[in-house]
Amino acid sequence: MESLALTVSLIVFPAMFGGPLALILTFLPFIKRKRIAQFLVSYLAILSIIVGGYLLILNVSRGGTLIGITGLVTGVLALMRMRSARKGS
C-alpha cells in the first residue's frame, strides 16, 4: 500500500504544485533575464499541463479533476506569461 501511495503522489505532484509554482516564478523579475530560470519555468509548466490533462481525461473523482484543471490552467498561464515576457524584451 505504501508503494501505491507513493505512485499516486508522484502522479499528482506536478499538477498540484508544478503549475502554480511555475506561475508564481513568472512574477519574479530575474526570470526574464536568466535562461536557466526560463527553462525551469517552462519545464514545470509543460509537465503540469501534461499531467493535468491526463487527470482530466481519466474518469477520476472530483478532487482529481479539480487538481487536473488547476494544473492545466496554471501551466498554460505560466507559458503565456513567459511568451509575453520574451516578446516584450
Protein backbone atom coordinates (compact mmCIF):
# COMPACT_ATOMS: atom_id res chain seq x y z
CA MET A 1 0.00 0.00 0.00
CA GLU A 2 2.91 2.34 0.59
CA SER A 3 4.11 1.96 -2.98
CA LEU A 4 0.61 2.78 -4.27
CA ALA A 5 0.50 5.95 -2.20
CA LEU A 6 3.96 6.90 -3.46
CA THR A 7 2.91 6.31 -7.07
CA VAL A 8 -0.22 8.41 -6.70
CA SER A 9 1.71 11.24 -5.08
CA LEU A 10 4.24 11.19 -7.94
CA ILE A 11 1.43 11.42 -10.47
CA VAL A 12 -0.47 14.21 -8.73
CA PHE A 13 2.52 16.29 -7.53
CA PRO A 14 3.38 18.01 -10.87
CA ALA A 15 -0.19 19.10 -11.49
CA MET A 16 -0.81 20.22 -7.92
CA PHE A 17 2.43 22.11 -7.31
CA GLY A 18 4.26 22.42 -10.65
CA GLY A 19 1.80 24.71 -12.40
CA PRO A 20 1.20 27.12 -9.52
CA LEU A 21 4.93 27.22 -8.77
CA ALA A 22 5.71 27.97 -12.42
CA LEU A 23 3.11 30.74 -12.42
CA ILE A 24 4.50 32.27 -9.22
CA LEU A 25 8.03 32.15 -10.62
CA THR A 26 6.97 34.17 -13.67
CA PHE A 27 6.27 37.15 -11.41
CA LEU A 28 9.90 37.31 -10.24
CA PRO A 29 11.99 39.89 -12.11
CA PHE A 30 15.10 37.75 -12.68
CA ILE A 31 13.12 35.14 -14.64
CA LYS A 32 13.08 37.42 -17.69
CA ARG A 33 16.90 37.60 -17.81
CA LYS A 34 18.10 34.14 -16.76
CA ARG A 35 17.92 31.43 -19.40
CA ILE A 36 18.08 28.55 -16.89
CA ALA A 37 15.18 30.06 -14.91
CA GLN A 38 13.11 30.30 -18.09
CA PHE A 39 13.88 26.65 -18.81
CA LEU A 40 12.82 25.64 -15.28
CA VAL A 41 9.54 27.54 -15.54
CA SER A 42 8.84 26.07 -18.98
CA TYR A 43 9.63 22.56 -17.76
CA LEU A 44 7.34 22.86 -14.74
CA ALA A 45 4.54 24.38 -16.82
CA ILE A 46 4.71 21.75 -19.57
CA LEU A 47 4.85 18.91 -17.05
CA SER A 48 1.87 20.41 -15.23
CA ILE A 49 -0.08 20.70 -18.48
CA ILE A 50 0.60 17.08 -19.42
CA VAL A 51 -0.28 15.65 -16.01
CA GLY A 52 -3.27 17.98 -15.60
CA GLY A 53 -4.62 16.94 -19.00
CA TYR A 54 -4.07 13.30 -18.10
CA LEU A 55 -6.03 13.74 -14.87
CA LEU A 56 -8.84 15.43 -16.80
CA ILE A 57 -9.03 12.66 -19.39
CA LEU A 58 -9.19 9.94 -16.74
CA ASN A 59 -12.53 9.38 -15.11
CA VAL A 60 -11.40 10.05 -11.53
CA SER A 61 -13.03 11.71 -8.56
CA ARG A 62 -13.91 15.39 -8.36
CA GLY A 63 -10.73 16.09 -6.42
CA GLY A 64 -8.56 14.61 -9.15
CA THR A 65 -10.44 16.56 -11.79
CA LEU A 66 -10.05 19.78 -9.79
CA ILE A 67 -6.32 19.17 -9.41
CA GLY A 68 -6.10 18.48 -13.15
CA ILE A 69 -7.91 21.71 -14.01
CA THR A 70 -5.70 23.69 -11.63
CA GLY A 71 -2.52 22.22 -13.09
CA LEU A 72 -3.67 22.73 -16.66
CA VAL A 73 -4.80 26.33 -16.21
CA THR A 74 -1.79 27.47 -14.19
CA GLY A 75 0.61 25.75 -16.59
CA VAL A 76 -0.95 27.46 -19.60
CA LEU A 77 -0.94 30.83 -17.82
CA ALA A 78 2.73 30.42 -16.90
CA LEU A 79 3.65 29.65 -20.52
CA MET A 80 1.62 32.61 -21.74
CA ARG A 81 3.41 34.94 -19.28
CA MET A 82 6.79 33.56 -20.36
CA ARG A 83 5.93 34.11 -24.00
CA SER A 84 4.77 37.69 -23.41
CA ALA A 85 7.91 38.40 -21.33
CA ARG A 86 10.13 37.18 -24.18
CA LYS A 87 8.29 39.31 -26.73
CA GLY A 88 8.47 42.36 -24.50
CA SER A 89 12.24 42.22 -24.05
